[in-house]
Protein backbone atom coordinates (compact mmCIF):
# COMPACT_ATOMS: atom_id res chain seq x y z
CA MET A 1 -11.41 0.33 -27.15
CA MET A 2 -9.52 -2.39 -25.27
CA THR A 3 -11.37 -3.70 -22.23
CA ASN A 4 -10.25 -6.19 -19.59
CA LEU A 5 -7.46 -7.60 -21.71
CA VAL A 6 -5.58 -10.00 -19.49
CA LYS A 7 -2.62 -12.11 -20.47
CA SER A 8 -1.95 -15.57 -19.05
CA ASP A 9 -1.41 -15.55 -15.29
CA GLN A 10 1.57 -17.87 -15.53
CA LYS A 11 4.18 -17.04 -12.93
CA SER A 12 6.82 -16.92 -15.67
CA ASP A 13 5.21 -13.77 -17.05
CA ASP A 14 7.26 -10.95 -15.59
CA VAL A 15 5.97 -8.05 -17.69
CA ILE A 16 2.59 -6.38 -17.77
CA LYS A 17 1.20 -3.70 -20.10
CA VAL A 18 -1.20 -1.21 -18.56
CA PHE A 19 -3.54 1.11 -20.46
CA GLY A 20 -4.24 3.79 -17.89
CA GLY A 21 -6.62 6.66 -17.31
CA LYS A 22 -9.65 4.59 -16.30
CA PRO A 23 -11.18 4.52 -12.78
CA LEU A 24 -10.96 1.20 -10.94
CA GLU A 25 -14.44 0.16 -9.89
CA GLY A 26 -15.81 -3.00 -8.36
CA SER A 27 -15.28 -5.45 -5.54
CA ILE A 28 -12.29 -7.59 -4.53
CA ARG A 29 -11.38 -9.78 -1.57
CA VAL A 30 -8.25 -9.50 0.56
CA ARG A 31 -7.11 -12.49 2.61
CA GLY A 32 -4.58 -12.92 5.40
CA ALA A 33 -1.61 -10.70 6.12
CA LYS A 34 1.64 -11.52 4.33
CA ASN A 35 3.58 -10.26 7.35
CA PHE A 36 1.79 -12.71 9.65
CA VAL A 37 0.98 -15.84 7.67
CA SER A 38 4.59 -16.79 6.92
CA LYS A 39 5.54 -16.36 10.61
CA ALA A 40 2.60 -18.48 11.77
CA MET A 41 3.73 -21.21 9.39
CA VAL A 42 7.20 -21.13 10.96
CA ALA A 43 5.63 -21.30 14.42
CA ALA A 44 4.13 -24.69 13.49
CA LEU A 45 7.69 -26.08 13.62
CA LEU A 46 7.65 -25.67 17.40
CA ALA A 47 5.10 -28.46 17.93
CA PRO A 48 5.38 -32.15 16.93
CA GLY A 49 1.82 -32.23 15.62
CA THR A 50 -0.57 -30.73 13.07
CA SER A 51 -1.43 -27.05 12.70
CA VAL A 52 -4.12 -25.53 10.46
CA LEU A 53 -3.90 -21.94 9.24
CA LYS A 54 -6.90 -20.35 7.51
CA ASN A 55 -7.49 -17.23 5.39
CA VAL A 56 -4.09 -17.74 3.74
CA PRO A 57 -3.38 -15.69 0.58
CA GLU A 58 -1.97 -17.26 -2.59
CA ILE A 59 1.32 -15.36 -2.58
CA ARG A 60 4.89 -16.37 -3.32
CA ASP A 61 6.06 -15.94 0.27
CA VAL A 62 3.70 -18.76 1.27
CA GLN A 63 5.27 -20.96 -1.42
CA VAL A 64 8.78 -20.13 -0.18
CA VAL A 65 7.97 -20.99 3.45
CA SER A 66 6.16 -24.16 2.37
CA ASP A 67 9.24 -25.26 0.42
CA LEU A 68 11.53 -24.46 3.35
CA LEU A 69 9.36 -26.47 5.73
CA ARG A 70 9.32 -29.43 3.34
CA LEU A 71 13.11 -29.34 3.11
CA HIS A 72 13.12 -29.84 6.88
CA GLY A 73 10.94 -32.95 6.70
CA VAL A 74 7.63 -31.21 7.45
CA GLN A 75 4.46 -32.18 5.57
CA VAL A 76 2.70 -29.14 4.12
CA ASP A 77 -0.62 -29.16 2.28
CA VAL A 78 -1.67 -25.89 0.65
CA ASN A 79 -5.28 -25.50 -0.47
CA GLY A 80 -5.04 -22.22 -2.34
CA ALA A 81 -8.67 -22.08 -3.39
CA GLU A 82 -9.90 -22.42 0.19
CA GLY A 83 -7.02 -20.45 1.71
CA ILE A 84 -6.07 -23.26 4.12
CA VAL A 85 -2.58 -24.52 4.91
CA THR A 86 -2.15 -27.71 6.94
CA ILE A 87 1.27 -28.35 8.48
CA ASP A 88 2.32 -31.63 10.09
CA ALA A 89 5.60 -31.08 11.95
CA SER A 90 5.67 -34.48 13.63
CA HIS A 91 8.95 -35.20 11.87
CA VAL A 92 11.65 -32.52 11.57
CA GLU A 93 15.13 -32.98 10.16
CA LEU A 94 18.04 -30.74 9.26
CA ALA A 95 17.84 -29.81 5.58
CA ASP A 96 20.71 -30.32 3.19
CA VAL A 97 22.78 -27.13 2.98
CA ALA A 98 22.72 -27.17 -0.84
CA ASP A 99 18.92 -27.54 -0.88
CA VAL A 100 18.39 -24.68 1.55
CA ASP A 101 20.79 -22.54 -0.45
CA THR A 102 18.60 -22.88 -3.54
CA LEU A 103 16.13 -20.59 -1.76
CA SER A 104 18.86 -18.12 -0.81
CA GLY A 105 17.80 -14.60 -1.69
CA SER A 106 14.13 -15.53 -2.08
CA SER A 107 13.05 -14.29 1.34
CA ARG A 108 14.20 -13.12 4.76
CA ILE A 109 12.01 -15.71 6.46
CA PRO A 110 14.76 -18.37 6.94
CA ILE A 111 16.31 -16.48 9.86
CA LEU A 112 13.07 -17.08 11.83
CA PHE A 113 13.57 -20.85 11.50
CA SER A 114 16.45 -20.55 13.98
CA GLY A 115 14.58 -20.80 17.29
CA PRO A 116 12.20 -23.62 16.30
CA LEU A 117 15.03 -25.67 14.75
CA LEU A 118 17.26 -25.16 17.78
CA HIS A 119 14.48 -26.50 19.99
CA ARG A 120 13.64 -29.44 17.73
CA LEU A 121 17.13 -30.38 16.46
CA GLY A 122 19.70 -28.45 18.48
CA GLU A 123 21.06 -26.70 15.41
CA ALA A 124 19.99 -24.60 12.42
CA PHE A 125 21.48 -23.45 9.12
CA ILE A 126 20.43 -20.10 7.67
CA PRO A 127 21.28 -19.25 4.03
CA ALA A 128 22.08 -15.78 2.69
CA LEU A 129 18.96 -13.66 3.04
CA GLY A 130 16.98 -11.74 0.43
CA GLY A 131 14.06 -9.34 0.59
CA CYS A 132 13.24 -5.89 -0.74
CA ARG A 133 16.05 -3.35 -1.09
CA ILE A 134 14.40 -0.50 0.78
CA GLY A 135 16.96 0.13 3.48
CA ASP A 136 19.19 -1.42 6.08
CA ARG A 137 17.52 -4.52 7.55
CA PRO A 138 20.37 -6.12 9.48
CA ILE A 139 20.03 -9.50 11.14
CA ASP A 140 22.31 -8.40 13.98
CA PHE A 141 19.26 -7.95 16.26
CA HIS A 142 18.22 -11.53 15.46
CA LEU A 143 21.63 -13.01 16.12
CA GLU A 144 22.20 -11.02 19.29
CA THR A 145 18.82 -12.20 20.60
CA LEU A 146 19.75 -15.82 19.90
CA ARG A 147 23.12 -15.37 21.60
CA LYS A 148 21.50 -13.93 24.72
CA LEU A 149 19.20 -16.95 24.81
CA GLY A 150 22.24 -19.25 24.76
CA ALA A 151 22.82 -19.98 21.06
CA LYS A 152 26.26 -20.26 19.46
CA VAL A 153 26.42 -18.42 16.12
CA ASN A 154 29.01 -19.28 13.47
CA LYS A 155 28.98 -16.54 10.84
CA GLU A 156 32.09 -17.91 9.16
CA HIS A 157 30.24 -20.72 7.37
CA LYS A 158 30.84 -20.32 3.63
CA ASP A 159 27.19 -20.85 2.63
CA GLY A 160 25.42 -18.97 5.40
CA ILE A 161 25.12 -19.00 9.17
CA HIS A 162 25.35 -22.12 11.34
CA ILE A 163 23.68 -21.86 14.76
CA THR A 164 23.81 -24.38 17.59
CA ALA A 165 22.50 -24.61 21.15
CA PRO A 166 24.65 -27.22 22.91
CA ASP A 167 23.12 -26.44 26.31
CA GLY A 168 19.65 -25.56 25.06
CA LEU A 169 18.09 -22.09 25.11
CA HIS A 170 17.38 -20.26 28.35
CA GLY A 171 15.44 -17.15 29.32
CA ALA A 172 17.13 -13.75 29.26
CA LYS A 173 16.58 -10.00 29.48
CA ILE A 174 16.65 -8.50 25.99
CA HIS A 175 16.30 -4.87 24.96
CA LEU A 176 15.78 -3.76 21.37
CA PRO A 177 17.17 -0.28 20.59
CA TYR A 178 14.49 -0.03 17.90
CA PRO A 179 11.15 -1.89 17.90
CA SER A 180 12.13 -4.27 15.11
CA VAL A 181 9.29 -6.52 13.96
CA GLY A 182 11.66 -9.28 12.85
CA ALA A 183 13.68 -9.29 16.07
CA THR A 184 10.48 -9.35 18.13
CA GLU A 185 9.25 -12.35 16.15
CA GLN A 186 12.64 -14.02 16.59
CA THR A 187 12.47 -13.59 20.35
CA LEU A 188 8.94 -14.95 20.58
CA LEU A 189 9.70 -18.03 18.48
CA ALA A 190 12.92 -18.77 20.38
CA ALA A 191 11.82 -17.96 23.94
CA VAL A 192 8.51 -19.86 24.18
CA LEU A 193 10.32 -23.19 24.73
CA ALA A 194 13.42 -21.76 26.45
CA ASP A 195 14.18 -22.67 30.05
CA GLY A 196 13.02 -19.85 32.32
CA LYS A 197 11.59 -16.39 31.73
CA THR A 198 12.42 -13.92 28.98
CA GLU A 199 11.76 -10.19 29.18
CA LEU A 200 11.82 -8.31 25.87
CA SER A 201 11.71 -4.51 26.16
CA GLY A 202 11.39 -2.13 23.23
CA ALA A 203 9.35 -4.73 21.36
CA ALA A 204 7.26 -4.20 18.24
CA ILE A 205 3.51 -4.43 18.89
CA GLU A 206 2.10 -4.45 15.34
CA PRO A 207 -1.23 -6.28 14.84
CA GLU A 208 0.68 -9.05 13.05
CA ILE A 209 2.85 -9.50 16.15
CA MET A 210 -0.26 -9.71 18.34
CA ASP A 211 -1.73 -12.35 16.03
CA LEU A 212 1.49 -14.36 16.32
CA VAL A 213 1.24 -14.08 20.12
CA ALA A 214 -2.34 -15.39 19.83
CA VAL A 215 -1.13 -18.38 17.78
CA LEU A 216 1.62 -19.18 20.28
CA GLN A 217 -0.83 -18.90 23.17
CA LYS A 218 -3.12 -21.39 21.41
CA MET A 219 -0.12 -23.70 21.19
CA GLY A 220 0.36 -23.54 24.97
CA ALA A 221 2.81 -20.63 25.37
CA LEU A 222 2.74 -18.20 28.31
CA ILE A 223 3.11 -14.66 26.96
CA SER A 224 2.05 -11.27 28.33
CA VAL A 225 2.31 -7.88 26.61
CA ASP A 226 2.60 -4.67 28.64
CA VAL A 227 1.62 -1.19 27.50
CA ASP A 228 5.26 -0.03 27.62
CA ARG A 229 6.30 -2.34 24.72
CA THR A 230 7.56 -5.03 27.10
CA ILE A 231 6.77 -8.65 26.28
CA ARG A 232 7.28 -11.33 28.92
CA ILE A 233 7.57 -14.98 27.93
CA GLU A 234 7.62 -17.83 30.42
CA GLY A 235 9.15 -20.88 28.78
CA VAL A 236 7.10 -24.08 28.73
CA GLU A 237 8.22 -27.68 28.23
CA SER A 238 6.20 -28.41 25.11
CA LEU A 239 3.72 -26.95 22.64
CA ARG A 240 0.92 -28.40 20.52
CA GLY A 241 -0.48 -27.66 17.07
CA TYR A 242 -2.96 -24.85 16.47
CA THR A 243 -5.96 -23.91 14.36
CA HIS A 244 -6.08 -20.21 13.56
CA THR A 245 -7.63 -17.75 11.11
CA SER A 246 -5.23 -15.01 9.99
CA LEU A 247 -6.02 -11.34 10.36
CA THR A 248 -6.59 -9.49 7.08
CA ASP A 249 -3.68 -7.90 5.24
CA ARG A 250 -4.00 -4.22 6.16
CA ILE A 251 -1.21 -3.29 3.72
CA GLU A 252 -2.96 -4.79 0.70
CA ALA A 253 -6.29 -3.27 1.76
CA ALA A 254 -4.69 0.19 2.00
CA SER A 255 -2.94 -0.31 -1.35
CA TRP A 256 -6.27 -0.87 -3.11
CA ALA A 257 -7.72 2.10 -1.22
CA SER A 258 -4.90 4.27 -2.61
CA ALA A 259 -5.58 2.90 -6.09
CA ALA A 260 -9.23 3.95 -5.79
CA LEU A 261 -8.16 7.45 -4.78
CA ALA A 262 -5.50 7.90 -7.47
CA THR A 263 -7.70 6.63 -10.34
CA HIS A 264 -10.90 8.42 -9.19
CA GLY A 265 -12.32 4.96 -8.59
CA ASP A 266 -14.64 3.12 -6.23
CA ILE A 267 -13.44 -0.17 -4.71
CA PHE A 268 -15.09 -2.37 -2.09
CA VAL A 269 -12.37 -4.35 -0.28
CA LYS A 270 -13.96 -7.44 1.22
CA GLY A 271 -12.27 -8.53 4.42
CA ALA A 272 -10.70 -5.13 5.19
CA ASP A 273 -10.74 -4.49 8.93
CA GLN A 274 -11.26 -1.03 10.41
CA ASP A 275 -9.55 -1.73 13.74
CA ASP A 276 -6.13 -2.32 12.19
CA MET A 277 -6.43 0.56 9.69
CA MET A 278 -7.63 3.47 11.84
CA THR A 279 -4.47 5.55 11.40
CA PHE A 280 -4.59 5.05 7.63
CA LEU A 281 -8.32 5.84 7.48
CA ASN A 282 -7.80 9.15 9.29
CA VAL A 283 -5.19 10.22 6.72
CA TYR A 284 -7.35 8.94 3.86
CA ARG A 285 -10.22 11.14 5.02
CA ARG A 286 -7.95 14.18 5.48
CA ILE A 287 -6.81 13.83 1.86
CA GLY A 288 -10.43 13.88 0.75
CA GLY A 289 -11.04 10.19 0.15
CA GLU A 290 -14.27 8.63 1.33
CA PHE A 291 -14.84 5.24 2.90
CA ASP A 292 -17.71 3.27 4.35
CA VAL A 293 -17.25 0.40 6.81
CA ASP A 294 -19.60 -2.58 7.08
CA ASP A 295 -19.38 -6.10 8.49
CA ASN A 296 -17.92 -7.51 5.26
CA GLY A 297 -15.23 -4.94 4.52
CA ILE A 298 -14.59 -1.33 3.60
CA ARG A 299 -15.64 0.61 0.50
CA PHE A 300 -13.08 3.22 -0.65
CA TRP A 301 -13.85 5.87 -3.25
CA HIS A 302 -12.94 9.26 -4.70
CA PRO A 303 -15.94 11.55 -4.09
CA GLY A 304 -14.99 14.08 -6.77
CA GLY A 305 -13.44 17.50 -6.45
CA ASP A 306 -9.88 18.28 -5.41
CA LEU A 307 -7.85 16.04 -3.13
CA LYS A 308 -6.13 17.85 -0.26
CA PRO A 309 -2.39 17.85 0.55
CA VAL A 310 -1.24 16.35 3.85
CA ALA A 311 1.86 15.97 6.00
CA ILE A 312 2.64 12.36 6.98
CA GLU A 313 5.32 10.78 9.13
CA THR A 314 5.73 7.03 9.04
CA ASP A 315 6.27 5.26 12.34
CA VAL A 316 5.99 1.90 14.07
CA HIS A 317 2.54 0.81 15.21
CA PRO A 318 0.25 2.52 16.11
CA GLY A 319 1.74 5.20 13.85
CA PHE A 320 1.32 5.53 10.08
CA MET A 321 2.76 2.34 8.62
CA THR A 322 5.74 2.64 6.30
CA ASP A 323 4.20 0.13 3.87
CA TRP A 324 1.18 2.42 3.48
CA GLN A 325 3.13 5.45 2.29
CA GLN A 326 4.36 4.29 -1.11
CA PRO A 327 0.93 3.62 -2.69
CA LEU A 328 -0.47 6.75 -1.03
CA VAL A 329 2.32 8.92 -2.48
CA VAL A 330 0.92 8.15 -5.94
CA ALA A 331 -2.48 9.48 -4.84
CA LEU A 332 -0.77 12.57 -3.39
CA THR A 333 0.61 13.44 -6.83
CA GLN A 334 -3.04 14.14 -7.69
CA ALA A 335 -3.74 16.31 -4.61
CA LYS A 336 -3.92 20.10 -4.99
CA GLY A 337 -1.01 21.64 -3.12
CA LEU A 338 2.12 20.62 -1.25
CA SER A 339 2.30 17.31 0.64
CA ILE A 340 5.19 16.22 2.86
CA VAL A 341 6.14 12.63 3.74
CA HIS A 342 8.81 11.97 6.38
CA GLU A 343 9.99 8.33 6.33
CA THR A 344 11.40 7.24 9.72
CA VAL A 345 11.42 3.43 9.31
CA TYR A 346 13.42 2.65 6.11
CA GLU A 347 16.02 5.11 4.92
CA ASN A 348 15.92 4.23 1.21
CA ARG A 349 12.21 3.83 0.67
CA PHE A 350 11.87 6.81 -1.67
CA GLY A 351 13.89 5.22 -4.45
CA PHE A 352 10.57 4.27 -6.03
CA THR A 353 9.73 7.94 -6.75
CA LYS A 354 12.19 8.29 -9.66
CA PRO A 355 9.85 6.60 -12.19
CA LEU A 356 6.96 8.71 -10.86
CA VAL A 357 8.95 11.87 -11.67
CA GLN A 358 9.70 10.47 -15.12
CA MET A 359 5.95 9.99 -15.56
CA GLY A 360 5.34 13.66 -14.76
CA ALA A 361 5.07 13.86 -10.97
CA THR A 362 6.70 16.73 -9.09
CA ILE A 363 8.54 15.11 -6.16
CA GLN A 364 11.59 16.51 -4.41
CA LEU A 365 13.63 14.40 -1.97
CA TYR A 366 15.49 15.79 1.03
CA LYS A 367 18.10 14.48 3.44
CA GLU A 368 16.66 16.61 6.24
CA CYS A 369 13.94 15.41 8.61
CA LEU A 370 10.82 17.23 7.41
CA GLY A 371 8.80 16.31 10.47
CA SER A 372 8.69 16.36 14.24
CA LEU A 373 9.16 12.67 15.11
CA PRO A 374 12.50 11.45 16.49
CA CYS A 375 14.30 10.00 13.50
CA ARG A 376 17.23 7.56 13.28
CA PHE A 377 18.24 9.01 9.92
CA GLN A 378 18.84 12.61 10.99
CA GLN A 379 22.18 13.88 9.64
CA ARG A 380 22.92 10.46 8.12
CA ASN A 381 22.88 11.53 4.46
CA PHE A 382 19.76 9.58 3.47
CA GLU A 383 17.05 11.09 1.28
CA HIS A 384 14.23 10.14 3.60
CA SER A 385 11.83 13.08 3.28
CA ALA A 386 9.71 13.84 0.22
CA VAL A 387 7.78 16.91 -0.90
CA ILE A 388 5.05 16.20 -3.46
CA PHE A 389 3.41 19.01 -5.42
CA GLY A 390 0.21 18.41 -7.32
CA PRO A 391 -1.95 17.80 -9.08
CA THR A 392 0.25 16.66 -11.95
CA PRO A 393 -0.94 14.55 -14.90
CA LEU A 394 0.98 11.32 -15.31
CA GLU A 395 2.04 9.83 -18.64
CA GLY A 396 2.62 6.14 -19.30
CA ARG A 397 6.18 4.81 -19.65
CA ASP A 398 8.40 1.75 -19.14
CA ILE A 399 9.05 0.96 -15.47
CA ASP A 400 11.27 -1.54 -13.65
CA VAL A 401 9.84 -2.75 -10.32
CA PRO A 402 12.31 -2.02 -7.48
CA ASP A 403 10.57 -3.76 -4.58
CA LEU A 404 7.23 -5.19 -3.48
CA ARG A 405 5.39 -2.05 -2.28
CA GLY A 406 7.16 0.23 -4.75
CA GLY A 407 6.13 -2.13 -7.52
CA PHE A 408 2.46 -1.97 -6.62
CA SER A 409 2.80 1.81 -6.35
CA HIS A 410 4.15 1.91 -9.91
CA LEU A 411 1.21 -0.22 -10.97
CA ILE A 412 -1.16 2.35 -9.43
CA ALA A 413 0.71 5.14 -11.24
CA ALA A 414 0.38 3.30 -14.55
CA LEU A 415 -3.35 2.86 -13.96
CA THR A 416 -3.65 6.58 -13.18
CA ALA A 417 -1.55 7.75 -16.15
CA LYS A 418 -2.69 8.51 -19.66
CA GLY A 419 -1.47 6.11 -22.28
CA GLU A 420 0.39 2.81 -22.15
CA SER A 421 2.90 1.70 -19.52
CA THR A 422 5.05 -1.44 -19.54
CA ILE A 423 6.05 -2.68 -16.11
CA HIS A 424 8.96 -5.13 -15.82
CA GLY A 425 9.74 -7.37 -12.84
CA ILE A 426 6.17 -7.78 -11.64
CA SER A 427 6.99 -11.15 -10.07
CA LEU A 428 8.11 -9.11 -7.06
CA ILE A 429 4.50 -7.96 -6.64
CA ASP A 430 3.41 -11.61 -6.42
CA ARG A 431 5.28 -11.83 -3.10
CA GLY A 432 2.57 -9.88 -1.31
CA TYR A 433 -0.44 -9.29 -3.60
CA ALA A 434 -2.39 -12.45 -4.32
CA ASP A 435 -3.82 -12.69 -7.86
CA PHE A 436 -3.42 -8.97 -8.41
CA ARG A 437 -3.94 -9.44 -12.16
CA GLY A 438 -7.29 -11.13 -11.57
CA LYS A 439 -8.29 -8.40 -9.14
CA LEU A 440 -7.35 -5.73 -11.65
CA ARG A 441 -9.52 -7.47 -14.23
CA ALA A 442 -12.42 -7.54 -11.75
CA LEU A 443 -12.01 -3.78 -11.28
CA GLY A 444 -12.10 -3.03 -14.99
CA ALA A 445 -8.40 -2.38 -15.56
CA GLU A 446 -7.06 -2.67 -19.10
CA ILE A 447 -3.97 -4.85 -18.93
CA ILE A 448 -2.13 -7.31 -21.13
């Protein structure tokens, strides 16, 4: 029998073979949140000094932001083993367009450089943006926010978007028609040094946003958050560097929890934080999963017996997070009965289910809203509701990774399935899951 077979962890390896049907058991550690760490690194641009970020995961998004910062004259030291990134933004310069363009398509982070660069240099260049293809993620909210703060946006530039602020940025009243995380981050990063007060209504209030607010406050910003999703920022004249420890990645923690459930496993996730996962934990318990919280993390396990079907609707915080649903759908293929998932955040997120069906899952997609929450996608011809019937045995097969969370979900499916699966395009998973091959080895997975 093959046990713990692990191929070289070189980043050039883009294919992994999985021999499924074995419970994942053991202990792993999860570090800082992908959706916060990269934004905190960008925030360091706002201050002509040194910032230190701790609990940083070794993921590709950190590499991309580090490279972008270096292109702009910033000194970045990444200590992957210790999870510490030190950023000296004493010197900032406009990067060469051709150099910035080499990172085009690697990430959507470059748009968040706009505010800090406008404050430090008076102009910014943003290349074409990449990211996961899970639905419409327009930058119109970002650009409209910058315009309201006084920026001039030239979208006609052949290589990207050129933004200037000839009169500096100034406070403004901004309303988001949808609580976009990216647009909220854009407003925070641009408004903290703007002249006057900014009021942002309809803001996102995810834990990662609150951690970014904490970082900016440490830097000297004046920010208040109201219970009605209104954020008020009073611009200050200057900011200083920060030292901050990132909150844990609640998406990665939940992904491993779903893997424990789907494979009938038992995984202790060191660093997992109950406070940021309460909504997920409630659903996990309703399905029939068990968990135990202590000061060092959370243990997730399948207690035996049948898993129960559930109805889930994704929503912005404090609702059920959209990034939680894809891994959990794999576990729901093993639940006894009919489960319903209504996706209200990204309209094309269920594209990942096609390989699951090919592996033996019974999943039907619908264009109708199979839920009670107000939904932007009603009568818009998107298959954004899913009905999952189980339990269904899964069989191994070849899979192409479509996006970050979908890719990890396919990995869970391969670990759950009988037989061998070959997963192509796993470099996408490296964007948000640090050393996932090593963690799989620690949990007893059979992979090559």
